[in-house]
Protein backbone atom coordinates (compact mmCIF):
# COMPACT_ATOMS: atom_id res chain seq x y z
CA MET A 1 -29.52 32.25 19.63
CA LYS A 2 -31.33 29.99 17.15
CA GLU A 3 -29.22 31.38 14.31
CA GLN A 4 -26.03 30.82 16.31
CA ILE A 5 -26.95 27.24 17.11
CA THR A 6 -27.78 26.62 13.45
CA LEU A 7 -24.34 27.96 12.51
CA ILE A 8 -22.72 25.62 15.03
CA PHE A 9 -24.40 22.64 13.39
CA ALA A 10 -23.45 23.90 9.93
CA LEU A 11 -19.83 24.16 11.07
CA HIS A 12 -20.04 20.65 12.51
CA GLU A 13 -21.22 19.25 9.18
CA GLN A 14 -18.41 21.08 7.38
CA ASP A 15 -15.88 19.71 9.86
CA LEU A 16 -17.11 16.17 9.20
CA LYS A 17 -16.96 16.73 5.43
CA ALA A 18 -13.40 18.04 5.71
CA GLN A 19 -12.47 15.06 7.86
CA ASN A 20 -13.91 12.62 5.33
CA LEU A 21 -11.97 14.31 2.52
CA ARG A 22 -8.73 14.06 4.49
CA GLN A 23 -9.41 10.39 5.20
CA ALA A 24 -10.02 9.78 1.50
CA LEU A 25 -6.70 11.46 0.69
CA ASP A 26 -4.85 9.50 3.38
CA ALA A 27 -6.40 6.23 2.15
CA MET A 28 -4.60 6.61 -1.19
CA LYS A 29 -1.12 6.59 0.34
CA PRO A 30 -1.07 2.90 1.43
CA GLU A 31 -2.09 1.72 -2.05
CA LEU A 32 0.69 3.73 -3.69
CA LEU A 33 3.21 2.43 -1.16
CA GLU A 34 2.05 -1.13 -1.81
CA LEU A 35 2.35 -0.70 -5.59
CA GLU A 36 5.80 0.86 -5.21
CA ALA A 37 6.89 -2.01 -2.95
CA LEU A 38 5.67 -4.54 -5.54
CA VAL A 39 7.68 -2.81 -8.28
CA ALA A 40 10.76 -2.78 -6.02
CA ASN A 41 10.34 -6.49 -5.20
CA ASN A 42 9.91 -7.41 -8.86
CA ARG A 43 12.97 -5.36 -9.82
CA SER A 44 14.99 -7.01 -7.06
CA LEU A 45 13.87 -10.46 -8.24
CA LEU A 46 14.81 -9.64 -11.85
CA GLU A 47 18.24 -8.41 -10.74
CA GLU A 48 18.69 -11.57 -8.67
CA LYS A 49 17.81 -13.86 -11.61
CA THR A 50 20.03 -11.85 -13.98
CA ALA A 51 22.97 -12.01 -11.59
CA LYS A 52 22.50 -15.74 -11.01
CA LEU A 53 22.29 -16.38 -14.75
CA ALA A 54 25.51 -14.42 -15.30
CA GLU A 55 27.18 -16.45 -12.55
CA ILE A 56 26.11 -19.76 -14.13
CA GLU A 57 27.22 -18.58 -17.57
CA THR A 58 30.67 -17.76 -16.10
CA GLN A 59 30.84 -21.24 -14.56
CA LYS A 60 29.86 -22.80 -17.89
CA ARG A 61 32.58 -20.92 -19.80
CA SER A 62 35.11 -21.97 -17.18
CA LYS A 63 34.08 -25.61 -17.57
CA GLU A 64 34.25 -25.34 -21.35
CA ARG A 65 37.84 -24.03 -21.09
CA GLU A 66 38.69 -27.01 -18.89
CA VAL A 67 37.27 -29.36 -21.52
CA GLU A 68 39.32 -27.62 -24.21
CA THR A 69 42.44 -28.01 -22.06
CA PHE A 70 41.85 -31.73 -21.50
CA GLU A 71 41.03 -32.31 -25.19
CA ALA A 72 44.29 -30.61 -26.13
CA ARG A 73 46.08 -32.89 -23.66
CA LEU A 74 44.45 -35.97 -25.25
CA LYS A 75 45.60 -34.89 -28.69
CA ASP A 76 49.08 -34.41 -27.28
CA PHE A 77 49.02 -37.90 -25.78
CA GLN A 78 47.78 -39.38 -29.06
CA GLY A 79 50.55 -37.66 -30.96
CA LYS A 80 53.17 -39.06 -28.63
CA LEU A 81 51.90 -42.67 -28.59
CA SER A 82 53.82 -43.58 -31.71
CA MET A 83 57.01 -42.28 -30.13
CA ILE A 84 56.77 -44.45 -26.97
CA LYS A 85 59.25 -47.37 -27.10
CA THR A 86 58.42 -49.46 -24.04
CA ASN A 87 55.22 -51.31 -23.20
CA LYS A 88 55.25 -49.91 -19.67
CA GLU A 89 55.34 -46.34 -20.89
CA TYR A 90 52.65 -47.16 -23.46
CA GLN A 91 50.30 -48.61 -20.83
CA ALA A 92 50.92 -45.61 -18.56
CA ALA A 93 50.05 -43.25 -21.40
CA LEU A 94 46.86 -45.17 -22.16
CA LYS A 95 45.84 -45.01 -18.50
CA GLU A 96 46.44 -41.28 -18.34
CA MET A 97 44.41 -40.81 -21.52
CA ALA A 98 41.56 -42.87 -20.03
CA ASP A 99 41.67 -40.80 -16.84
CA THR A 100 41.64 -37.60 -18.87
CA LYS A 101 38.61 -38.79 -20.87
CA LYS A 102 36.83 -39.69 -17.63
CA ILE A 103 37.50 -36.24 -16.19
CA ASN A 104 36.39 -34.69 -19.45
CA LYS A 105 33.13 -36.66 -19.36
CA THR A 106 32.47 -35.51 -15.80
CA ILE A 107 33.05 -31.88 -16.78
CA GLU A 108 30.82 -32.23 -19.86
CA ASP A 109 28.05 -33.64 -17.65
CA GLN A 110 28.49 -30.65 -15.34
CA ILE A 111 28.21 -28.35 -18.35
CA LEU A 112 24.93 -30.03 -19.34
CA GLU A 113 23.60 -29.53 -15.79
CA LEU A 114 24.60 -25.88 -15.94
CA MET A 115 22.84 -25.47 -19.30
CA VAL A 116 19.63 -26.96 -17.85
CA HIS A 117 19.95 -24.60 -14.89
CA MET A 118 20.49 -21.69 -17.31
CA ASP A 119 17.33 -22.58 -19.23
CA THR A 120 15.35 -22.57 -15.99
CA LEU A 121 16.87 -19.24 -14.95
CA LYS A 122 16.13 -17.71 -18.36
CA THR A 123 12.47 -18.71 -17.98
CA GLU A 124 12.36 -17.33 -14.45
CA ARG A 125 14.11 -14.13 -15.54
CA GLN A 126 11.61 -13.63 -18.35
CA ALA A 127 8.73 -14.10 -15.90
CA ALA A 128 10.36 -11.63 -13.48
CA GLU A 129 10.84 -9.13 -16.31
CA GLU A 130 7.19 -9.44 -17.35
CA ALA A 131 6.09 -9.03 -13.72
CA LEU A 132 8.24 -5.91 -13.37
CA ASN A 133 6.90 -4.42 -16.60
CA GLY A 134 3.33 -5.16 -15.53
CA SER A 135 3.69 -3.75 -12.03
CA SER A 136 5.54 -0.69 -13.32
CA ALA A 137 2.81 0.01 -15.87
CA ASN A 138 0.13 -0.44 -13.21
CA LEU A 139 1.98 1.88 -10.83
CA GLU A 140 2.26 4.55 -13.52
CA LYS A 141 -1.43 4.18 -14.40
CA ARG A 142 -2.65 4.28 -10.78
CA THR A 143 -0.32 7.18 -9.96
CA LYS A 144 -1.87 9.26 -12.74
CA GLU A 145 -5.39 8.26 -11.67
CA MET A 146 -4.66 9.05 -8.03
CA ASP A 147 -3.02 12.35 -8.89
CA THR A 148 -6.21 13.37 -10.67
CA GLU A 149 -8.37 12.19 -7.78
CA MET A 150 -6.12 13.82 -5.18
CA ARG A 151 -6.29 17.16 -7.00
CA ARG A 152 -10.08 16.87 -7.07
CA LEU A 153 -10.30 16.03 -3.36
CA GLU A 154 -7.81 18.73 -2.43
CA GLY A 155 -9.89 21.25 -4.37
CA MET A 156 -13.02 20.15 -2.51
CA LEU A 157 -11.13 20.35 0.79
CA ARG A 158 -10.04 23.91 0.07
CA GLU A 159 -13.66 24.84 -0.66
CA VAL A 160 -14.86 23.24 2.58
CA GLU A 161 -12.12 24.94 4.58
CA ALA A 162 -13.19 28.28 3.10
CA GLU A 163 -16.81 27.54 4.03
CA LYS A 164 -15.69 26.61 7.55
CA ALA A 165 -13.81 29.88 7.94
CA SER A 166 -16.83 31.82 6.73
CA THR A 167 -19.19 29.97 9.08
CA ALA A 168 -16.84 30.27 12.05
CA SER A 169 -16.51 34.01 11.55
CA ARG A 170 -20.26 34.41 12.14
CA ILE A 171 -20.32 32.42 15.38
CA GLU A 172 -20.01 34.24 18.68
CA PRO A 173 -16.54 33.72 20.24
CA SER A 174 -17.92 32.16 23.43
CA LEU A 175 -19.96 29.60 21.49
CA MET A 176 -17.05 28.94 19.16
CA ALA A 177 -14.78 28.29 22.13
CA GLN A 178 -17.32 25.89 23.61
CA TYR A 179 -17.65 24.03 20.32
CA LYS A 180 -13.86 23.67 20.03
CA ARG A 181 -13.61 22.35 23.59
CA VAL A 182 -16.25 19.70 22.89
CA LYS A 183 -14.83 18.75 19.52
CA LYS A 184 -11.26 18.37 20.77
CA GLY A 185 -10.29 14.72 20.58
CA ARG A 186 -13.54 13.50 18.96
CA PRO A 187 -14.95 13.59 15.41
CA GLU A 188 -18.60 13.81 16.50
CA ALA A 189 -19.08 16.97 18.54
CA VAL A 190 -22.89 17.04 18.47
CA SER A 191 -25.59 14.53 19.24
CA GLU A 192 -29.35 14.50 18.80
CA VAL A 193 -31.63 13.99 21.77
CA VAL A 194 -34.45 11.56 20.99
CA GLY A 195 -37.02 10.76 23.66
CA GLY A 196 -34.76 12.25 26.30
CA THR A 197 -31.81 10.04 25.29
CA CYS A 198 -28.48 11.20 23.88
CA GLN A 199 -27.95 9.31 20.62
CA GLY A 200 -24.18 9.64 20.93
CA CYS A 201 -23.78 7.61 24.12
CA ARG A 202 -27.36 6.24 24.58
CA MET A 203 -27.56 7.72 28.07
CA LYS A 204 -30.71 9.38 29.47
CA VAL A 205 -30.53 13.17 29.74
CA PRO A 206 -31.69 14.55 33.12
CA PRO A 207 -35.28 15.91 32.79
CA GLN A 208 -34.32 19.40 33.93
CA LEU A 209 -31.52 19.55 31.33
CA TYR A 210 -33.91 18.25 28.67
CA ASN A 211 -36.30 21.09 29.51
CA GLU A 212 -33.46 23.60 29.17
CA ILE A 213 -32.46 22.13 25.80
CA GLN A 214 -36.01 22.59 24.51
CA LYS A 215 -35.92 26.29 25.40
CA MET A 216 -33.07 26.70 22.89
CA LYS A 217 -31.54 29.64 24.77
CA THR A 218 -27.97 28.32 24.78
CA LEU A 219 -25.93 25.23 23.98
CA HIS A 220 -25.97 22.29 26.37
CA VAL A 221 -23.73 19.25 26.50
CA CYS A 222 -24.48 15.66 27.46
CA PRO A 223 -23.35 15.01 31.07
CA SER A 224 -22.10 11.59 29.99
CA CYS A 225 -20.26 12.04 26.66
CA GLN A 226 -19.91 15.85 26.60
CA ARG A 227 -21.34 16.16 23.08
CA ILE A 228 -23.39 19.26 22.23
CA LEU A 229 -27.06 18.27 22.32
CA TYR A 230 -29.73 19.29 19.84
CA LEU A 231 -33.29 18.44 18.86
CA ALA A 232 -34.23 17.35 15.38
CA GLU A 233 -36.59 20.27 14.81
CA TRP A 234 -33.74 22.72 15.34
CA VAL A 235 -32.04 21.70 12.13
CA GLY A 236 -35.03 20.59 10.07
CA THR A 237 -34.63 16.82 10.35
CA LYS A 238 -37.55 14.49 9.81
CA THR A 239 -38.17 10.97 11.00
CA ASP A 240 -37.73 8.36 8.27
CA PRO A 241 -40.97 6.33 8.22
CA ARG A 242 -39.13 3.29 6.89
CA THR A 243 -36.72 3.06 9.82
CA ASP A 244 -38.46 5.23 12.41
CA ARG A 245 -35.13 7.03 12.78
CA PRO A 246 -34.24 10.66 12.16
CA GLU A 247 -32.84 11.45 8.74
CA GLU A 248 -29.50 13.25 8.35
CA MET A 249 -29.43 16.91 9.33
CA LYS A 250 -30.42 19.27 6.55
CA LEU A 251 -28.98 22.70 7.26
C-alpha cells in the first residue's frame, strides 16, 4: 500500500505541474489580444486622421476654385468699367466689385484656417503612423517570443502528461477512482496532517481517523474538506528549521 500511496502523491504533483503549465499558456493569450487591440486602435486612428485630412484638402480645393471664380469675375468687372456710360451703372459696378472682394477675402481666410487645420492633422497623422508602426513591430516581436515560449511549454506539458499516464497505469483502479473523485472540482487533492490538523482546511482530524492514517493501510480523506490526507514522513518531507514548516514534498 505504501508504494500505491506514493504513486498517488507523485500523480498529484504531476497534475499540479500540468495545471501550472496550462495556466502559463493561458496567461499569454490576454497579452496577445491586448497587443492586437492596440494595433487595431492605432490603425483605426491613422485611417481616421487620413480620411479627415483628405476631407479638409477637398474643402480647401473647393474654396480655391471659388476664389478663382470670384477673381475672374473681378477681372471681368474691371474690363467693363471703361465701357459703362452712366454714373449710376458705374457706382453699381464698383459696389459689386467691393462685395466680390469682401467675399473673396472671407473665402481666403477660410482657406488659411483649413491650411492650419491640415498642418495639425498632418502632425497627428504622423504620430498615429509612428504609433501604428511601433505597436505592429512590438506585436510581431512578442508574437515570435511567445510562439517560442508556447512551444517550450507545450513540449513540457506533453512530457508531464506522458508521466501522468505512466504513473496512473501503476495505480490500483480503486485508488485511482478515489483520487479522481477527490480531485474533481479542486486543484489541491491532497493535504498534509500536522499535529492532527488538516493543512488544507485547518480543521482538526478526529483522533481515531488520525490513528488510522498513521497505519498507512489505505487512503483517508479529511471529513471537512475531503482532501486525501498524508503524513510528511510518507513522502520524505522535512521540517524547515527557518520557518518550522514542512518543506515541499520530495517524491
